[in-house]
Structure formats: C-alpha cells, structure tokens
Amino acid sequence: MNQPQKLLFVCTENRMRGPTAEAMYQGFPDYEVKSAGTELSARIPLTQEHVQWADMIFVIEPEHLERLQLEYGDLLSGKNIICLNILDIYRYMEPALIDELKAALRGHVEIPQ
C-alpha cells in the first residue's frame, strides 16, 4: 500500500481558501491534507514543520509563494510548489470557491467529487 501524498494549502489568514481546500480532501484516501496561513494572525500560522511535512505545497496567491521562499527557502528543495492564483473574494466552503479550487488543482492532484 502506498503512503498518502501530503498536501499543504497556504493562504493568508487560513480562514477561507486554505481551509476549504483542506475540507475538500478530508477522508480522501490518497492524501493527507493540512492548511496554514502566512500571517502571524492566521487561524493556523505556517511553520517550518508544515513545510517539512508536505510533499506538495499549494500556495493560493503569488505573494504566498514569495513569503514561503523568503521564510523557508532552504526547506523547499525537492518540494513541488504550485500557485493556484485564487483571489481572496470567497467565503469558507462557498460553491464558487470549490469550483475555482477544483479547476486550479486539475492536472496536479486527483479532484474530489
């Protein structure tokens, strides 16, 4: 049996986009999923442990990638990092956000139904 792939979703405050992506993958057998935010005020602030844990890192916006590289650049070697380019205009679990996430994730990971 293969080990589940570890996915990390990084957004700003870890309140809407990252947690929605995390919720989409809860109970999905091929993945372990976490989300975190780049701001210290985030619901779950991004840590070195998150970065080390992840096999794949999905940043929601380009500035999240910049922050990740600035703070954890030495830990990113060999990590697959993808920018989803999803604006901060959605509420948690909003159907339009789920549609945006599915479209952006297609081609990178299996998409939950």
Protein backbone atom coordinates (compact mmCIF):
# COMPACT_ATOMS: atom_id res chain seq x y z
CA MET A 1 0.00 0.00 0.00
CA ASN A 2 1.34 3.43 -0.97
CA GLN A 3 1.74 6.19 1.58
CA PRO A 4 -0.77 9.04 1.15
CA GLN A 5 0.64 12.13 -0.53
CA LYS A 6 0.88 15.07 1.90
CA LEU A 7 -0.71 18.25 0.57
CA LEU A 8 -0.29 21.66 2.20
CA PHE A 9 -2.51 24.61 1.23
CA VAL A 10 -1.07 28.02 2.10
CA CYS A 11 -3.19 31.18 2.14
CA THR A 12 -3.12 34.41 4.15
CA GLU A 13 -5.28 34.06 7.26
CA ASN A 14 -6.16 30.36 6.95
CA ARG A 15 -9.86 31.10 7.30
CA MET A 16 -11.47 30.70 3.86
CA ARG A 17 -9.47 29.37 0.91
CA GLY A 18 -6.93 27.06 2.57
CA PRO A 19 -9.42 25.51 5.00
CA THR A 20 -11.91 25.00 2.14
CA ALA A 21 -9.26 23.12 0.14
CA GLU A 22 -8.36 21.11 3.23
CA ALA A 23 -12.03 20.25 3.85
CA MET A 24 -12.46 19.13 0.23
CA TYR A 25 -9.82 16.44 0.77
CA GLN A 26 -10.90 15.21 4.22
CA GLY A 27 -11.38 11.46 4.05
CA PHE A 28 -9.85 11.25 0.55
CA PRO A 29 -7.79 8.07 0.85
CA ASP A 30 -4.75 9.02 -1.26
CA TYR A 31 -3.98 12.28 0.52
CA GLU A 32 -3.19 13.74 3.92
CA VAL A 33 -4.01 17.45 3.93
CA LYS A 34 -3.22 20.49 6.07
CA SER A 35 -3.65 24.21 5.59
CA ALA A 36 -1.88 27.19 7.12
CA GLY A 37 -1.65 30.95 6.73
CA THR A 38 1.31 33.21 6.10
CA GLU A 39 0.24 35.83 8.65
CA LEU A 40 1.03 35.53 12.36
CA SER A 41 -2.67 36.24 12.99
CA ALA A 42 -3.69 33.23 10.87
CA ARG A 43 -6.02 30.64 12.36
CA ILE A 44 -3.11 28.20 11.90
CA PRO A 45 0.14 30.07 11.17
CA LEU A 46 2.55 28.45 8.71
CA THR A 47 5.55 26.82 10.39
CA GLN A 48 8.74 25.08 9.43
CA GLU A 49 7.10 21.81 10.44
CA HIS A 50 4.32 22.30 7.88
CA VAL A 51 6.85 22.86 5.11
CA GLN A 52 8.96 19.86 6.12
CA TRP A 53 5.85 17.65 6.39
CA ALA A 54 4.44 18.44 2.94
CA ASP A 55 5.14 16.56 -0.27
CA MET A 56 3.28 19.17 -2.34
CA ILE A 57 2.63 22.79 -1.41
CA PHE A 58 -0.20 24.76 -2.99
CA VAL A 59 0.03 28.50 -2.47
CA ILE A 60 -3.20 30.34 -3.14
CA GLU A 61 -1.66 33.60 -4.45
CA PRO A 62 1.79 34.65 -5.74
CA GLU A 63 2.53 36.63 -2.56
CA HIS A 64 2.17 33.42 -0.56
CA LEU A 65 4.90 31.88 -2.72
CA GLU A 66 7.14 34.91 -2.12
CA ARG A 67 6.60 34.65 1.63
CA LEU A 68 7.25 30.90 1.56
CA GLN A 69 10.51 31.38 -0.36
CA LEU A 70 11.61 34.25 1.89
CA GLU A 71 10.97 32.46 5.17
CA TYR A 72 11.54 28.80 4.27
CA GLY A 73 13.62 28.84 1.09
CA ASP A 74 16.22 26.44 2.50
CA LEU A 75 13.48 23.84 3.15
CA LEU A 76 11.91 23.95 -0.31
CA SER A 77 14.47 21.87 -2.19
CA GLY A 78 12.69 18.95 -3.83
CA LYS A 79 9.24 20.28 -2.94
CA ASN A 80 6.60 20.55 -5.65
CA ILE A 81 5.10 24.06 -5.23
CA ILE A 82 2.12 25.21 -7.27
CA CYS A 83 0.45 28.63 -7.25
CA LEU A 84 -3.34 28.35 -7.67
CA ASN A 85 -3.98 32.09 -8.29
CA ILE A 86 -7.31 32.31 -6.44
CA LEU A 87 -8.38 35.74 -5.24
CA ASP A 88 -9.44 36.43 -1.66
CA ILE A 89 -13.10 37.08 -2.53
CA TYR A 90 -14.80 33.93 -1.25
CA ARG A 91 -16.33 32.66 1.96
CA TYR A 92 -15.47 29.30 3.54
CA MET A 93 -16.93 26.40 1.51
CA GLU A 94 -18.61 28.76 -0.97
CA PRO A 95 -19.57 26.71 -4.06
CA ALA A 96 -17.78 29.17 -6.38
CA LEU A 97 -14.57 28.76 -4.33
CA ILE A 98 -14.86 24.98 -4.51
CA ASP A 99 -15.27 25.24 -8.30
CA GLU A 100 -12.21 27.54 -8.53
CA LEU A 101 -10.14 25.14 -6.41
CA LYS A 102 -11.15 22.12 -8.47
CA ALA A 103 -10.26 23.91 -11.71
CA ALA A 104 -6.90 25.09 -10.37
CA LEU A 105 -6.00 21.69 -8.87
CA ARG A 106 -6.90 19.70 -12.00
CA GLY A 107 -3.76 18.27 -13.53
CA HIS A 108 -1.86 18.38 -10.24
CA VAL A 109 -3.81 16.07 -7.94
CA GLU A 110 -6.93 13.92 -8.14
CA ILE A 111 -10.06 16.03 -7.74
CA PRO A 112 -12.64 15.03 -5.10
CA GLN A 113 -16.21 14.76 -6.37
